[in-house]
Each structure stands twice: as structure tokens, then as C-alpha cells.
Protein backbone atom coordinates (compact mmCIF):
# COMPACT_ATOMS: atom_id res chain seq x y z
CA MET A 1 41.06 -134.19 -53.44
CA PRO A 2 43.95 -133.79 -50.95
CA ARG A 3 45.97 -132.14 -53.68
CA LYS A 4 43.09 -129.75 -54.45
CA ARG A 5 42.74 -128.85 -50.75
CA LYS A 6 46.49 -128.26 -50.59
CA LEU A 7 46.37 -125.86 -53.56
CA LEU A 8 43.43 -123.98 -52.04
CA ALA A 9 45.31 -123.65 -48.75
CA GLN A 10 48.36 -122.22 -50.55
CA LEU A 11 46.22 -119.73 -52.43
CA SER A 12 44.53 -118.64 -49.20
CA ALA A 13 47.92 -118.09 -47.56
CA LEU A 14 49.13 -115.93 -50.45
CA GLN A 15 45.98 -113.76 -50.26
CA SER A 16 46.34 -113.25 -46.51
CA LYS A 17 49.94 -112.03 -46.96
CA SER A 18 48.99 -109.60 -49.69
CA SER A 19 49.28 -105.94 -48.67
CA ILE A 20 47.36 -104.19 -51.40
CA ALA A 21 46.64 -100.67 -50.10
CA PRO A 22 43.36 -98.90 -50.85
CA PHE A 23 43.55 -96.61 -53.89
CA ASP A 24 44.57 -93.08 -52.99
CA GLY A 25 46.25 -92.10 -56.21
CA LEU A 26 44.30 -88.84 -56.50
CA GLU A 27 46.32 -87.41 -53.63
CA ASN A 28 49.61 -88.33 -55.28
CA LEU A 29 48.85 -87.32 -58.83
CA ASN A 30 51.00 -84.54 -60.16
CA VAL A 31 48.03 -82.25 -60.82
CA THR A 32 48.58 -78.54 -60.91
CA PRO A 33 46.17 -76.42 -58.87
CA ASP A 34 45.54 -74.15 -61.82
CA ARG A 35 42.86 -74.51 -64.48
CA ASP A 36 45.05 -76.87 -66.50
CA SER A 37 43.96 -79.71 -64.20
CA SER A 38 40.32 -79.29 -65.16
CA PRO A 39 38.49 -79.42 -68.50
CA LYS A 40 39.27 -76.60 -70.89
CA SER A 41 35.57 -75.81 -70.91
CA SER A 42 35.77 -75.12 -67.18
CA LYS A 43 33.45 -72.15 -67.54
CA TYR A 44 30.79 -74.85 -67.40
CA PHE A 45 32.55 -77.19 -64.97
CA VAL A 46 33.00 -75.55 -61.59
CA VAL A 47 35.99 -76.56 -59.47
CA GLU A 48 35.19 -76.36 -55.78
CA LYS A 49 37.99 -74.99 -53.68
CA LYS A 50 38.92 -76.48 -50.33
CA ASN A 51 39.88 -73.23 -48.63
CA SER A 52 37.33 -72.71 -45.88
CA HIS A 53 38.15 -69.03 -45.44
CA GLN A 54 37.33 -67.73 -48.91
CA LEU A 55 34.61 -65.13 -49.27
CA GLU A 56 31.43 -66.75 -50.55
CA SER A 57 29.02 -65.67 -53.27
CA ASP A 58 26.90 -63.68 -50.82
CA PHE A 59 29.76 -61.24 -50.25
CA PHE A 60 29.92 -60.29 -53.93
CA ASN A 61 26.15 -60.09 -54.27
CA GLN A 62 25.83 -56.37 -53.49
CA PRO A 63 25.53 -53.12 -55.47
CA CYS A 64 28.59 -52.10 -57.43
CA ILE A 65 29.65 -49.09 -55.33
CA SER A 66 29.08 -51.04 -52.14
CA LEU A 67 31.20 -53.93 -53.42
CA ALA A 68 33.97 -51.57 -54.54
CA LYS A 69 34.20 -50.24 -50.98
CA SER A 70 33.73 -53.62 -49.30
CA LEU A 71 36.63 -55.11 -51.26
CA LEU A 72 39.06 -52.63 -49.70
CA GLY A 73 41.15 -54.41 -47.12
CA GLN A 74 40.24 -57.91 -48.32
CA ILE A 75 42.98 -60.30 -49.43
CA LEU A 76 43.31 -61.59 -52.99
CA VAL A 77 44.90 -65.05 -53.12
CA ARG A 78 46.43 -66.59 -56.23
CA LYS A 79 47.65 -70.19 -56.14
CA LEU A 80 50.38 -70.79 -58.72
CA PRO A 81 50.75 -74.14 -60.55
CA ASP A 82 53.74 -75.01 -58.33
CA GLY A 83 51.62 -74.64 -55.19
CA ARG A 84 52.90 -71.28 -53.97
CA GLU A 85 50.26 -68.78 -52.88
CA LEU A 86 50.52 -65.09 -53.68
CA ARG A 87 48.60 -62.76 -51.38
CA GLY A 88 47.84 -59.07 -51.65
CA ARG A 89 45.55 -56.69 -49.79
CA ILE A 90 43.11 -54.84 -52.05
CA VAL A 91 43.76 -51.13 -51.50
CA GLU A 92 42.22 -49.47 -54.56
CA THR A 93 39.14 -50.19 -56.69
CA GLU A 94 36.94 -48.54 -59.31
CA ALA A 95 33.21 -49.05 -59.77
CA TYR A 96 31.68 -49.37 -63.25
CA LEU A 97 27.92 -49.21 -62.95
CA GLY A 98 26.74 -50.89 -66.14
CA GLY A 99 24.41 -49.53 -68.82
CA GLU A 100 24.10 -45.96 -67.52
CA ASP A 101 27.86 -45.59 -67.03
CA GLU A 102 29.42 -43.98 -70.10
CA ALA A 103 32.86 -45.24 -69.07
CA SER A 104 31.79 -48.86 -68.69
CA HIS A 105 32.42 -51.59 -71.24
CA SER A 106 28.73 -52.42 -70.86
CA LYS A 107 27.40 -48.90 -71.45
CA GLY A 108 23.96 -48.86 -73.00
CA GLY A 109 23.42 -52.40 -71.72
CA LYS A 110 25.33 -53.83 -74.67
CA GLN A 111 26.54 -57.38 -74.10
CA THR A 112 29.33 -58.73 -76.29
CA GLN A 113 31.54 -61.80 -76.35
CA ARG A 114 34.23 -59.73 -74.66
CA ASN A 115 32.18 -58.38 -71.74
CA THR A 116 29.94 -61.39 -71.07
CA ALA A 117 31.39 -61.82 -67.57
CA MET A 118 29.98 -58.41 -66.56
CA PHE A 119 26.49 -59.84 -67.00
CA MET A 120 27.17 -63.06 -65.11
CA LYS A 121 26.48 -63.69 -61.43
CA PRO A 122 28.20 -61.49 -58.82
CA GLY A 123 31.71 -62.68 -58.05
CA THR A 124 32.54 -63.59 -61.66
CA LEU A 125 35.91 -62.39 -62.94
CA TYR A 126 35.96 -60.17 -66.00
CA VAL A 127 39.45 -60.05 -67.53
CA TYR A 128 40.14 -57.94 -70.57
CA GLN A 129 43.23 -56.95 -72.52
CA ILE A 130 44.50 -53.45 -73.25
CA TYR A 131 47.05 -52.37 -75.85
CA GLY A 132 47.16 -55.99 -76.98
CA ILE A 133 49.57 -57.02 -74.18
CA TYR A 134 48.30 -56.03 -70.71
CA PHE A 135 45.39 -57.40 -68.70
CA CYS A 136 42.98 -55.90 -66.18
CA VAL A 137 40.78 -57.87 -63.78
CA ASN A 138 37.28 -56.96 -62.58
CA ILE A 139 34.69 -58.60 -60.34
CA SER A 140 31.02 -58.56 -61.32
CA SER A 141 28.48 -57.18 -58.83
CA GLN A 142 24.74 -56.65 -58.59
CA GLY A 143 23.39 -54.63 -61.49
CA GLU A 144 23.17 -55.45 -65.18
CA GLY A 145 26.69 -55.23 -66.60
CA ALA A 146 28.20 -53.75 -63.43
CA ALA A 147 31.67 -54.68 -62.18
CA VAL A 148 34.51 -53.52 -59.94
CA LEU A 149 38.02 -53.03 -61.28
CA LEU A 150 40.85 -54.12 -58.98
CA ARG A 151 43.29 -51.27 -59.31
CA SER A 152 46.00 -51.79 -56.69
CA LEU A 153 47.16 -54.36 -54.15
CA GLU A 154 49.47 -54.23 -51.18
CA PRO A 155 51.77 -57.27 -51.63
CA LEU A 156 51.77 -59.53 -48.56
CA GLU A 157 53.21 -62.96 -49.34
CA ASN A 158 55.71 -64.38 -51.86
CA LEU A 159 56.87 -61.00 -53.09
CA ASP A 160 59.91 -62.58 -54.77
CA ALA A 161 57.58 -64.63 -56.97
CA MET A 162 55.59 -61.49 -57.83
CA ARG A 163 58.83 -59.69 -58.67
CA ALA A 164 59.92 -62.54 -60.95
CA LEU A 165 56.56 -62.56 -62.74
CA ARG A 166 56.68 -58.80 -63.23
CA SER A 167 60.25 -59.03 -64.51
CA ALA A 168 59.35 -61.79 -66.98
CA ALA A 169 56.54 -59.63 -68.36
CA ARG A 170 58.82 -56.64 -68.91
CA LYS A 171 60.73 -56.85 -72.16
CA ALA A 172 63.66 -54.53 -71.45
CA PRO A 173 66.01 -55.43 -68.56
CA THR A 174 65.54 -53.00 -65.69
CA THR A 175 66.41 -52.63 -62.05
CA ALA A 176 64.55 -54.75 -59.51
CA LEU A 177 61.13 -53.41 -58.62
CA LYS A 178 60.54 -52.11 -55.13
CA ASP A 179 57.73 -53.64 -53.09
CA TRP A 180 55.39 -50.70 -53.64
CA GLN A 181 55.87 -50.95 -57.41
CA LEU A 182 54.77 -54.57 -57.74
CA CYS A 183 50.98 -54.17 -57.79
CA ASN A 184 50.28 -50.41 -57.89
CA GLY A 185 48.17 -50.48 -61.04
CA PRO A 186 45.57 -52.77 -62.65
CA SER A 187 47.91 -54.29 -65.24
CA LYS A 188 50.82 -54.48 -62.80
CA LEU A 189 48.82 -56.56 -60.33
CA CYS A 190 47.72 -58.88 -63.14
CA GLN A 191 51.35 -59.42 -64.10
CA ALA A 192 52.42 -59.95 -60.48
CA PHE A 193 49.59 -62.46 -59.88
CA ALA A 194 49.86 -64.16 -63.29
CA ILE A 195 46.29 -63.27 -64.23
CA ASP A 196 45.48 -63.39 -67.93
CA LYS A 197 42.51 -63.97 -70.23
CA ASP A 198 42.29 -67.57 -69.06
CA PHE A 199 40.79 -66.24 -65.81
CA ASP A 200 37.87 -64.56 -67.56
CA GLN A 201 34.46 -65.81 -66.34
CA ARG A 202 35.87 -67.66 -63.34
CA ASP A 203 33.87 -67.79 -60.13
CA LEU A 204 35.86 -66.22 -57.28
CA ALA A 205 33.79 -68.05 -54.69
CA ARG A 206 34.67 -71.50 -56.04
CA ASP A 207 37.82 -71.36 -58.14
CA ALA A 208 40.86 -73.42 -57.13
CA ALA A 209 43.51 -70.97 -58.35
CA ILE A 210 42.19 -67.57 -57.29
CA TRP A 211 39.94 -66.41 -54.46
CA VAL A 212 39.45 -63.72 -51.82
CA VAL A 213 39.73 -64.11 -48.04
CA PRO A 214 38.72 -61.66 -45.30
CA GLY A 215 41.23 -58.98 -44.41
CA THR A 216 41.23 -55.86 -42.28
CA LYS A 217 38.28 -53.62 -43.03
CA PRO A 218 38.66 -49.82 -43.00
CA GLN A 219 37.56 -48.42 -39.64
CA GLY A 220 35.25 -45.85 -41.18
CA GLU A 221 34.44 -43.59 -44.13
CA GLN A 222 37.31 -41.29 -43.12
CA ASP A 223 39.72 -44.10 -44.11
CA VAL A 224 38.32 -44.43 -47.65
CA VAL A 225 38.99 -41.79 -50.30
CA ALA A 226 36.36 -41.43 -53.05
CA THR A 227 37.56 -39.66 -56.18
CA ALA A 228 37.43 -39.71 -59.98
CA ARG A 229 38.47 -42.82 -61.90
CA ILE A 230 41.75 -42.95 -63.79
CA GLY A 231 42.10 -42.73 -67.58
CA ILE A 232 38.41 -42.25 -68.34
CA GLY A 233 38.92 -39.52 -70.91
CA ASN A 234 36.02 -37.77 -72.63
CA ARG A 235 33.00 -39.32 -70.92
CA GLY A 236 31.23 -36.16 -69.82
CA GLU A 237 30.06 -36.10 -66.22
CA TRP A 238 31.07 -39.74 -65.78
CA ALA A 239 34.73 -38.78 -66.05
CA GLN A 240 34.45 -36.82 -62.80
CA LYS A 241 32.12 -39.01 -60.76
CA PRO A 242 33.80 -40.21 -57.52
CA LEU A 243 33.77 -43.90 -58.36
CA ARG A 244 37.40 -44.72 -57.48
CA PHE A 245 38.00 -45.77 -53.89
CA TYR A 246 41.25 -46.27 -52.04
CA LEU A 247 42.60 -46.68 -48.53
CA ARG A 248 43.75 -43.32 -47.27
CA GLY A 249 47.44 -43.21 -46.37
CA ASN A 250 48.31 -46.52 -48.03
CA LYS A 251 51.56 -46.21 -49.99
CA TYR A 252 50.59 -48.96 -52.44
CA VAL A 253 47.78 -46.93 -54.04
CA SER A 254 48.49 -46.13 -57.70
CA VAL A 255 47.44 -42.47 -57.73
CA VAL A 256 46.76 -40.33 -54.65
CA ASP A 257 44.28 -37.44 -54.88
CA LYS A 258 45.88 -34.91 -52.55
CA LYS A 259 43.16 -32.34 -53.11
CA VAL A 260 40.38 -34.66 -51.99
CA GLU A 261 42.47 -35.82 -49.05
CA ARG A 262 43.02 -32.22 -47.94
CA GLU A 263 39.30 -31.59 -48.17
CA MET A 264 38.64 -34.70 -46.09
CA ALA A 265 41.17 -33.57 -43.49
CA ALA A 266 39.63 -30.10 -43.30
CA LEU A 267 36.16 -31.58 -42.93
CA SER A 268 37.36 -33.87 -40.19
CA CYS A 269 38.96 -30.99 -38.29
CA SER A 270 35.83 -28.86 -38.56
CA SER A 271 33.67 -31.67 -37.23
CA LEU A 272 35.91 -31.99 -34.19
CA SER A 273 35.89 -28.27 -33.37
């Protein structure tokens, strides 16, 4: 018995000296913040983001034209796998109104495997490919098959990373891009922010790798130019409808409509006289 008590005492002493820390391995795991850290079927498994400033679902739940205007001035954030965050102010958008819109991918209300995201809840990303190599990113809104194309950004943070991503996507060696050239077009901004087809059907309000935070809103209608969309082609009256919106005077806009801006200036002067 004494021997047994002695062994129990030794065991108790060893346990009291043990310094086993509580498990916190999740914080130390080398997990990338991009989709690769979640199931490949993540369209059905939502990853909640911990950024408290991101715009929530309610923001995106508005009519297409209203959303296209409301997005101007907001900040798109893209978290790269290495943890760096790219930020750019949205300065140009285009509204695609769904079934009635002859220029929309969902014209006639037709839903396909490609455009499914346009029919999903507001705030869903719709990413499609053009010419087999470039990508464009849209955000779904209210309205069956309606979405807003992000056309240009004003680069704000980690411009060197954007420049490197753009350079890697360009096949022929060229001179370094100037700041205003980084995101002044829908495919350019996708290259600069490393947005590809893998981002299709993601929820902007909850994703861990891409989201939108509040920025500086335009002061009034006089700061927003409404003009025809770019590259629509032969779509009848829809080719000329003023469904492209951009921040007046912003040098990062892809294409400036000087005629419309002159008309706006003349109207403003006449209202003051």
C-alpha cells in the first residue's frame, strides 16, 4: 500500500507540472484567406467574413439602376492568399436590367449555366469570360436577371501588387503601367484584383476574399454622369440608353463622354442664372 500511495503521489506531481495549453491551432494554421481554404463546393457553403465594415446584403437589395449609382464611390476590397488587401474606389458602372434589356446576358429572361448568378440574390457576383482569356465582374441586384457591371476602379492600396498582377496577365513585355491604367476597364480591374471565374456566384456580403466597404458618396446628381454603355453594338434603342454611370471629373474612368458633360455643365450654368 505505501508503494501504491507513493506511485500515486508521483503521478499527481507530474500532472501538476504539466503545461498543456488549450488548443488554438486554428489561429496558427497556414490557411489562405481565399476560397482554397474552404470546400470546393463553396457556392453552397458560405464563409462568413470578419470585417465589420463590409456592406451587407441590404445595400445590394435595390433596383439595378439605383445600385449602379449607389456603388459609385464605394470601395472594393480583395484579400489575396498572402494576406495583402487590394482596395479600389468604384468610379464607373453599367446597369443591365434583365429580361427586357436587349444588351443583357439574361435578355428574354433566359437563364443558363453561365448566367445563373444574375438570377441569384442581390449581392451575388456574376463573373464571365470574354475572348476566352479576359474576365468581367458584375453584381446582381433586384430584378429578374439584373446585374451591375463594375467597369472602372480608382486604385487606392497595394498598387504595386495590382501592377504585378496586370503585368503577369499581359503576355508581351511592356513598360510599367501608370496608376490610372491599372483598373480603367472591366477586364483590367479583374486582372489587377485577381478576379476570375472562381469568383462566380460568390456572396459579396459574406465572402472572405472579396467584399465592399463604404466610401465617399457623390455629393449629388451633378457629380454622376449618365451615358450610353460601352461596346453594346447593334441592340437598337438599348445601345443608346443612358445606363452607364461614372464619377464626373475622375481620371480613372475608362471612357469620358465629353458631349454629355458639356450638356451637364450648360444645364448647371443655366440653373444658376
